[in-house]
């Protein structure tokens, strides 16, 4: 088993998250404005099969980037990457687990759960990292 140096890197993780989700929310906003149908509240709505496009982009953006590059564009800019604890190549299922857990640890309470876990776990892991057996490390640590 490989030994990785872990640190909470809170600022880098927050920056990476803001960059990544900023990109995804911007894309989704413009997609809905371009292809959405007017709704009763004066906004626009996407229904049916076209509504899957933002979800598909989310999957491609996070799961594909992290599986093949060990980092999203936000992580690359922040100088961090994801590694498997066992030192093997990341698997789609591992990345999927870390991203599914975002709904539990980042969305509610604006990331307070993720913050507490990063500060109080031995390897500075969020819930998704623990579940997926992954670590977030500085790019130059590997």
N, C-alpha and C. Protein backbone atom coordinates (compact mmCIF):
# COMPACT_ATOMS: atom_id res chain seq x y z
N UNK A 1 0.85 -1.19 0.00
CA UNK A 1 0.00 0.00 0.00
C UNK A 1 0.89 1.24 0.00
N UNK A 2 0.58 2.18 -0.88
CA UNK A 2 1.36 3.41 -0.97
C UNK A 2 1.03 4.35 0.18
N UNK A 3 2.00 5.11 0.57
CA UNK A 3 1.80 6.11 1.61
C UNK A 3 1.70 7.48 0.95
N UNK A 4 0.62 8.16 1.17
CA UNK A 4 0.42 9.49 0.63
C UNK A 4 0.40 10.49 1.76
N UNK A 5 0.92 11.66 1.51
CA UNK A 5 0.87 12.74 2.50
C UNK A 5 -0.46 13.46 2.31
N UNK A 6 -1.25 13.49 3.37
CA UNK A 6 -2.54 14.16 3.27
C UNK A 6 -2.59 15.38 4.19
N UNK A 7 -3.29 16.38 3.70
CA UNK A 7 -3.55 17.60 4.45
C UNK A 7 -4.97 18.00 4.12
N UNK A 8 -5.63 18.75 4.99
CA UNK A 8 -7.01 19.15 4.66
C UNK A 8 -7.11 19.97 3.37
N UNK A 9 -6.15 20.84 3.09
CA UNK A 9 -6.13 21.69 1.89
C UNK A 9 -7.49 22.33 1.63
N UNK A 10 -8.08 22.86 2.69
CA UNK A 10 -9.43 23.40 2.62
C UNK A 10 -9.56 24.47 1.55
N UNK A 11 -8.64 25.41 1.49
CA UNK A 11 -8.72 26.49 0.51
C UNK A 11 -8.67 25.97 -0.92
N UNK A 12 -7.78 25.02 -1.17
CA UNK A 12 -7.66 24.46 -2.52
C UNK A 12 -8.91 23.68 -2.90
N UNK A 13 -9.46 22.94 -1.96
CA UNK A 13 -10.68 22.16 -2.25
C UNK A 13 -11.87 23.08 -2.51
N UNK A 14 -11.99 24.13 -1.72
CA UNK A 14 -13.09 25.08 -1.93
C UNK A 14 -12.93 25.75 -3.29
N UNK A 15 -11.72 26.19 -3.60
CA UNK A 15 -11.47 26.84 -4.89
C UNK A 15 -11.83 25.88 -6.03
N UNK A 16 -11.39 24.63 -5.97
CA UNK A 16 -11.67 23.66 -7.01
C UNK A 16 -13.17 23.42 -7.16
N UNK A 17 -13.87 23.32 -6.03
CA UNK A 17 -15.31 23.10 -6.06
C UNK A 17 -16.02 24.29 -6.69
N UNK A 18 -15.63 25.50 -6.32
CA UNK A 18 -16.25 26.69 -6.90
C UNK A 18 -16.00 26.77 -8.41
N UNK A 19 -14.81 26.44 -8.85
CA UNK A 19 -14.50 26.45 -10.29
C UNK A 19 -15.34 25.40 -11.01
N UNK A 20 -15.33 24.18 -10.51
CA UNK A 20 -16.04 23.09 -11.18
C UNK A 20 -17.55 23.32 -11.22
N UNK A 21 -18.14 23.61 -10.07
CA UNK A 21 -19.59 23.82 -10.06
C UNK A 21 -19.97 25.14 -10.71
N UNK A 22 -19.09 26.12 -10.67
CA UNK A 22 -19.34 27.37 -11.39
C UNK A 22 -19.47 27.12 -12.88
N UNK A 23 -18.57 26.30 -13.41
CA UNK A 23 -18.65 25.93 -14.82
C UNK A 23 -19.95 25.19 -15.12
N UNK A 24 -20.27 24.19 -14.30
CA UNK A 24 -21.48 23.39 -14.54
C UNK A 24 -22.75 24.21 -14.42
N UNK A 25 -22.84 25.08 -13.41
CA UNK A 25 -24.03 25.92 -13.25
C UNK A 25 -24.15 26.92 -14.40
N UNK A 26 -23.03 27.46 -14.84
CA UNK A 26 -23.05 28.41 -15.97
C UNK A 26 -23.53 27.71 -17.23
N UNK A 27 -22.99 26.53 -17.51
CA UNK A 27 -23.43 25.77 -18.67
C UNK A 27 -24.93 25.48 -18.57
N UNK A 28 -25.37 25.00 -17.42
CA UNK A 28 -26.78 24.64 -17.24
C UNK A 28 -27.69 25.86 -17.42
N UNK A 29 -27.29 27.00 -16.87
CA UNK A 29 -28.08 28.23 -17.01
C UNK A 29 -28.24 28.59 -18.49
N UNK A 30 -27.14 28.63 -19.22
CA UNK A 30 -27.22 29.01 -20.63
C UNK A 30 -27.95 27.96 -21.46
N UNK A 31 -27.79 26.71 -21.11
CA UNK A 31 -28.51 25.63 -21.80
C UNK A 31 -30.02 25.80 -21.61
N UNK A 32 -30.44 26.04 -20.37
CA UNK A 32 -31.87 26.22 -20.10
C UNK A 32 -32.40 27.49 -20.77
N UNK A 33 -31.64 28.57 -20.74
CA UNK A 33 -32.07 29.80 -21.40
C UNK A 33 -32.19 29.63 -22.91
N UNK A 34 -31.30 28.83 -23.49
CA UNK A 34 -31.30 28.64 -24.94
C UNK A 34 -32.38 27.66 -25.40
N UNK A 35 -32.53 26.55 -24.66
CA UNK A 35 -33.40 25.48 -25.13
C UNK A 35 -34.67 25.27 -24.30
N UNK A 36 -34.81 26.00 -23.21
CA UNK A 36 -35.97 25.84 -22.35
C UNK A 36 -37.22 26.47 -22.92
N UNK A 37 -38.34 25.96 -22.45
CA UNK A 37 -39.65 26.50 -22.82
C UNK A 37 -40.11 27.46 -21.73
N UNK A 38 -40.74 28.56 -22.10
CA UNK A 38 -41.25 29.49 -21.07
C UNK A 38 -42.22 28.78 -20.13
N UNK A 39 -42.13 29.14 -18.84
CA UNK A 39 -43.04 28.55 -17.86
C UNK A 39 -43.92 29.63 -17.24
N UNK A 40 -44.80 29.24 -16.34
CA UNK A 40 -45.79 30.15 -15.75
C UNK A 40 -45.16 31.23 -14.87
N UNK A 41 -43.96 31.04 -14.39
CA UNK A 41 -43.34 32.02 -13.50
C UNK A 41 -42.45 33.02 -14.26
N UNK A 42 -42.42 32.91 -15.57
CA UNK A 42 -41.61 33.83 -16.36
C UNK A 42 -40.21 33.31 -16.65
N UNK A 43 -39.87 32.17 -16.11
CA UNK A 43 -38.57 31.56 -16.38
C UNK A 43 -38.68 30.56 -17.52
N UNK A 44 -37.72 29.68 -17.58
CA UNK A 44 -37.74 28.64 -18.60
C UNK A 44 -37.52 27.28 -17.95
N UNK A 45 -38.06 26.26 -18.59
CA UNK A 45 -37.99 24.90 -18.05
C UNK A 45 -37.58 23.95 -19.16
N UNK A 46 -36.77 22.98 -18.80
CA UNK A 46 -36.41 21.90 -19.72
C UNK A 46 -37.12 20.65 -19.23
N UNK A 47 -37.84 19.97 -20.12
CA UNK A 47 -38.55 18.74 -19.76
C UNK A 47 -38.16 17.62 -20.70
N UNK A 48 -38.42 16.41 -20.26
CA UNK A 48 -38.20 15.25 -21.11
C UNK A 48 -36.74 14.92 -21.30
N UNK A 49 -36.44 14.33 -22.43
CA UNK A 49 -35.08 13.88 -22.73
C UNK A 49 -34.04 14.99 -22.70
N UNK A 50 -34.33 16.20 -23.17
CA UNK A 50 -33.32 17.27 -23.10
C UNK A 50 -32.87 17.60 -21.67
N UNK A 51 -33.69 17.27 -20.68
CA UNK A 51 -33.32 17.56 -19.29
C UNK A 51 -32.15 16.70 -18.82
N UNK A 52 -31.85 15.65 -19.55
CA UNK A 52 -30.74 14.78 -19.15
C UNK A 52 -29.38 15.37 -19.52
N UNK A 53 -29.34 16.34 -20.39
CA UNK A 53 -28.07 16.91 -20.86
C UNK A 53 -27.22 17.45 -19.70
N UNK A 54 -27.76 18.29 -18.79
CA UNK A 54 -26.92 18.76 -17.67
C UNK A 54 -26.44 17.62 -16.77
N UNK A 55 -27.26 16.60 -16.58
CA UNK A 55 -26.86 15.45 -15.76
C UNK A 55 -25.75 14.68 -16.47
N UNK A 56 -25.88 14.50 -17.75
CA UNK A 56 -24.85 13.83 -18.53
C UNK A 56 -23.54 14.61 -18.49
N UNK A 57 -23.63 15.92 -18.60
CA UNK A 57 -22.43 16.75 -18.51
C UNK A 57 -21.79 16.60 -17.14
N UNK A 58 -22.60 16.59 -16.07
CA UNK A 58 -22.07 16.40 -14.72
C UNK A 58 -21.28 15.10 -14.66
N UNK A 59 -21.88 14.02 -15.18
CA UNK A 59 -21.21 12.73 -15.16
C UNK A 59 -19.90 12.78 -15.94
N UNK A 60 -19.97 13.28 -17.16
CA UNK A 60 -18.76 13.34 -17.98
C UNK A 60 -17.69 14.22 -17.34
N UNK A 61 -18.12 15.36 -16.84
CA UNK A 61 -17.17 16.31 -16.25
C UNK A 61 -16.43 15.70 -15.07
N UNK A 62 -17.18 15.23 -14.09
CA UNK A 62 -16.55 14.73 -12.87
C UNK A 62 -16.00 13.31 -13.02
N UNK A 63 -16.84 12.39 -13.38
CA UNK A 63 -16.42 10.99 -13.36
C UNK A 63 -15.35 10.71 -14.42
N UNK A 64 -15.54 11.20 -15.62
CA UNK A 64 -14.56 10.93 -16.67
C UNK A 64 -13.24 11.66 -16.39
N UNK A 65 -13.32 12.95 -16.07
CA UNK A 65 -12.08 13.69 -15.79
C UNK A 65 -11.31 13.06 -14.64
N UNK A 66 -11.99 12.77 -13.54
CA UNK A 66 -11.27 12.23 -12.38
C UNK A 66 -10.77 10.81 -12.62
N UNK A 67 -11.53 10.00 -13.36
CA UNK A 67 -11.08 8.64 -13.62
C UNK A 67 -9.83 8.64 -14.49
N UNK A 68 -9.82 9.45 -15.53
CA UNK A 68 -8.71 9.41 -16.48
C UNK A 68 -7.57 10.38 -16.18
N UNK A 69 -7.87 11.48 -15.49
CA UNK A 69 -6.83 12.49 -15.22
C UNK A 69 -6.57 12.69 -13.73
N UNK A 70 -7.31 11.99 -12.88
CA UNK A 70 -7.20 12.10 -11.42
C UNK A 70 -7.51 13.51 -10.93
N UNK A 71 -8.14 14.30 -11.78
CA UNK A 71 -8.47 15.68 -11.39
C UNK A 71 -9.47 16.27 -12.37
N UNK A 72 -10.32 17.13 -11.86
CA UNK A 72 -11.19 17.93 -12.72
C UNK A 72 -10.41 19.19 -13.10
N UNK A 73 -10.91 19.99 -14.03
CA UNK A 73 -10.23 21.26 -14.31
C UNK A 73 -10.05 22.12 -13.06
N UNK A 74 -11.03 22.14 -12.18
CA UNK A 74 -10.89 22.89 -10.93
C UNK A 74 -9.78 22.36 -10.06
N UNK A 75 -9.67 21.05 -9.96
CA UNK A 75 -8.59 20.43 -9.19
C UNK A 75 -7.23 20.74 -9.81
N UNK A 76 -7.16 20.70 -11.15
CA UNK A 76 -5.90 21.00 -11.83
C UNK A 76 -5.46 22.42 -11.52
N UNK A 77 -6.39 23.37 -11.61
CA UNK A 77 -6.07 24.77 -11.32
C UNK A 77 -5.64 24.93 -9.86
N UNK A 78 -6.30 24.20 -8.96
CA UNK A 78 -5.99 24.29 -7.53
C UNK A 78 -4.73 23.51 -7.14
N UNK A 79 -4.22 22.67 -8.04
CA UNK A 79 -3.01 21.92 -7.75
C UNK A 79 -3.22 20.70 -6.88
N UNK A 80 -4.40 20.07 -7.00
CA UNK A 80 -4.69 18.86 -6.23
C UNK A 80 -5.19 17.76 -7.17
N UNK A 81 -5.17 16.53 -6.66
CA UNK A 81 -5.70 15.43 -7.44
C UNK A 81 -6.20 14.32 -6.52
N UNK A 82 -6.95 13.40 -7.11
CA UNK A 82 -7.54 12.29 -6.37
C UNK A 82 -6.74 11.03 -6.67
N UNK A 83 -6.46 10.27 -5.62
CA UNK A 83 -5.76 8.99 -5.79
C UNK A 83 -6.50 7.91 -5.01
N UNK A 84 -6.34 6.70 -5.46
CA UNK A 84 -6.89 5.56 -4.74
C UNK A 84 -5.94 5.24 -3.59
N UNK A 85 -6.46 4.92 -2.43
CA UNK A 85 -5.63 4.63 -1.27
C UNK A 85 -4.66 3.48 -1.55
N UNK A 86 -5.11 2.51 -2.34
CA UNK A 86 -4.24 1.36 -2.62
C UNK A 86 -3.19 1.65 -3.70
N UNK A 87 -3.18 2.86 -4.24
CA UNK A 87 -2.18 3.25 -5.23
C UNK A 87 -2.52 2.83 -6.65
N UNK A 88 -3.62 2.11 -6.82
CA UNK A 88 -4.02 1.68 -8.17
C UNK A 88 -4.73 2.82 -8.89
N UNK A 89 -4.93 2.63 -10.18
CA UNK A 89 -5.64 3.62 -10.99
C UNK A 89 -7.07 3.78 -10.47
N UNK A 90 -7.55 5.01 -10.43
CA UNK A 90 -8.93 5.27 -10.00
C UNK A 90 -9.92 4.55 -10.91
N UNK A 91 -10.97 4.04 -10.31
CA UNK A 91 -12.03 3.37 -11.04
C UNK A 91 -13.27 4.27 -11.10
N UNK A 92 -14.08 4.09 -12.14
CA UNK A 92 -15.31 4.89 -12.26
C UNK A 92 -16.17 4.81 -10.99
N UNK A 93 -16.27 3.62 -10.43
CA UNK A 93 -17.12 3.44 -9.25
C UNK A 93 -16.61 4.25 -8.06
N UNK A 94 -15.29 4.35 -7.92
CA UNK A 94 -14.73 5.16 -6.82
C UNK A 94 -15.10 6.63 -7.00
N UNK A 95 -14.90 7.13 -8.19
CA UNK A 95 -15.21 8.54 -8.44
C UNK A 95 -16.71 8.78 -8.31
N UNK A 96 -17.50 7.85 -8.80
CA UNK A 96 -18.96 7.97 -8.66
C UNK A 96 -19.38 8.05 -7.20
N UNK A 97 -18.78 7.23 -6.36
CA UNK A 97 -19.11 7.26 -4.93
C UNK A 97 -18.77 8.61 -4.31
N UNK A 98 -17.61 9.16 -4.65
CA UNK A 98 -17.24 10.45 -4.05
C UNK A 98 -18.19 11.54 -4.49
N UNK A 99 -18.65 11.48 -5.73
CA UNK A 99 -19.54 12.52 -6.25
C UNK A 99 -20.97 12.36 -5.77
N UNK A 100 -21.43 11.13 -5.63
CA UNK A 100 -22.78 10.91 -5.10
C UNK A 100 -22.87 11.44 -3.67
N UNK A 101 -21.80 11.28 -2.93
CA UNK A 101 -21.80 11.72 -1.53
C UNK A 101 -21.86 13.24 -1.39
N UNK A 102 -21.58 13.98 -2.47
CA UNK A 102 -21.68 15.45 -2.41
C UNK A 102 -23.05 15.89 -1.92
N UNK A 103 -24.08 15.16 -2.32
CA UNK A 103 -25.44 15.51 -1.91
C UNK A 103 -25.61 15.44 -0.40
N UNK A 104 -24.84 14.60 0.26
CA UNK A 104 -24.95 14.44 1.70
C UNK A 104 -24.04 15.38 2.49
N UNK A 105 -22.89 15.70 1.93
CA UNK A 105 -21.91 16.41 2.74
C UNK A 105 -21.59 17.83 2.29
N UNK A 106 -21.95 18.20 1.10
CA UNK A 106 -21.63 19.55 0.64
C UNK A 106 -22.89 20.40 0.52
N UNK A 107 -23.92 19.84 -0.12
CA UNK A 107 -25.13 20.63 -0.37
C UNK A 107 -25.81 21.08 0.93
N UNK A 108 -26.12 20.16 1.86
CA UNK A 108 -26.74 20.65 3.10
C UNK A 108 -25.71 21.40 3.96
N UNK A 109 -26.12 22.44 4.54
CA UNK A 109 -25.28 23.21 5.47
C UNK A 109 -24.02 23.78 4.82
N UNK A 110 -24.05 23.97 3.50
CA UNK A 110 -22.96 24.61 2.76
C UNK A 110 -21.59 23.98 3.00
N UNK A 111 -21.53 22.67 3.08
CA UNK A 111 -20.26 21.97 3.20
C UNK A 111 -19.77 21.77 4.62
N UNK A 112 -20.57 22.09 5.62
CA UNK A 112 -20.14 21.95 7.00
C UNK A 112 -19.76 20.51 7.33
N UNK A 113 -20.52 19.55 6.83
CA UNK A 113 -20.22 18.14 7.09
C UNK A 113 -18.86 17.78 6.49
N UNK A 114 -18.62 18.21 5.25
CA UNK A 114 -17.32 17.94 4.61
C UNK A 114 -16.19 18.59 5.39
N UNK A 115 -16.40 19.81 5.84
CA UNK A 115 -15.39 20.53 6.61
C UNK A 115 -15.04 19.78 7.89
N UNK A 116 -16.05 19.36 8.62
CA UNK A 116 -15.82 18.64 9.89
C UNK A 116 -15.06 17.34 9.63
N UNK A 117 -15.47 16.60 8.60
CA UNK A 117 -14.79 15.34 8.29
C UNK A 117 -13.33 15.58 7.87
N UNK A 118 -13.09 16.60 7.04
CA UNK A 118 -11.72 16.88 6.60
C UNK A 118 -10.82 17.22 7.78
N UNK A 119 -11.35 17.96 8.72
CA UNK A 119 -10.56 18.38 9.88
C UNK A 119 -10.36 17.28 10.91
N UNK A 120 -11.27 16.29 10.95
CA UNK A 120 -11.25 15.34 12.06
C UNK A 120 -11.06 13.88 11.65
N UNK A 121 -10.70 13.61 10.40
CA UNK A 121 -10.39 12.24 10.03
C UNK A 121 -8.87 12.12 9.86
N UNK A 122 -8.37 10.95 10.13
CA UNK A 122 -6.92 10.73 10.13
C UNK A 122 -6.26 11.09 8.79
N UNK A 123 -6.94 10.76 7.69
CA UNK A 123 -6.36 11.00 6.37
C UNK A 123 -6.99 12.19 5.66
N UNK A 124 -7.66 13.07 6.41
CA UNK A 124 -8.29 14.26 5.86
C UNK A 124 -9.24 13.92 4.71
N UNK A 125 -10.16 13.01 4.97
CA UNK A 125 -11.09 12.55 3.96
C UNK A 125 -12.50 13.02 4.23
N UNK A 126 -13.22 13.26 3.14
CA UNK A 126 -14.65 13.51 3.23
C UNK A 126 -15.34 12.15 3.27
N UNK A 127 -16.65 12.16 3.49
CA UNK A 127 -17.42 10.93 3.53
C UNK A 127 -17.26 10.13 2.24
N UNK A 128 -17.35 10.80 1.11
CA UNK A 128 -17.19 10.13 -0.18
C UNK A 128 -15.82 9.51 -0.35
N UNK A 129 -14.78 10.19 0.14
CA UNK A 129 -13.42 9.63 0.06
C UNK A 129 -13.30 8.38 0.91
N UNK A 130 -13.90 8.39 2.08
CA UNK A 130 -13.86 7.22 2.96
C UNK A 130 -14.58 6.06 2.29
N UNK A 131 -15.78 6.32 1.76
CA UNK A 131 -16.60 5.30 1.11
C UNK A 131 -15.89 4.72 -0.12
N UNK A 132 -15.24 5.59 -0.90
CA UNK A 132 -14.60 5.17 -2.15
C UNK A 132 -13.15 4.75 -1.98
N UNK A 133 -12.63 4.91 -0.77
CA UNK A 133 -11.21 4.60 -0.51
C UNK A 133 -10.28 5.42 -1.40
N UNK A 134 -10.51 6.74 -1.36
CA UNK A 134 -9.68 7.68 -2.12
C UNK A 134 -9.14 8.77 -1.19
N UNK A 135 -8.14 9.45 -1.69
CA UNK A 135 -7.55 10.60 -0.98
C UNK A 135 -7.41 11.74 -1.97
N UNK A 136 -7.45 12.95 -1.46
CA UNK A 136 -7.12 14.12 -2.27
C UNK A 136 -5.76 14.60 -1.78
N UNK A 137 -4.81 14.69 -2.71
CA UNK A 137 -3.45 15.08 -2.36
C UNK A 137 -2.98 16.23 -3.25
N UNK A 138 -1.91 16.87 -2.86
CA UNK A 138 -1.30 17.89 -3.71
C UNK A 138 -0.72 17.20 -4.93
N UNK A 139 -0.79 17.84 -6.09
CA UNK A 139 -0.32 17.24 -7.34
C UNK A 139 1.13 16.74 -7.25
N UNK A 140 1.95 17.46 -6.53
CA UNK A 140 3.37 17.09 -6.47
C UNK A 140 3.69 16.04 -5.42
N UNK A 141 2.69 15.48 -4.75
CA UNK A 141 2.92 14.47 -3.71
C UNK A 141 3.01 13.06 -4.26
N UNK A 142 2.71 12.87 -5.53
CA UNK A 142 2.64 11.50 -6.08
C UNK A 142 3.84 11.20 -6.92
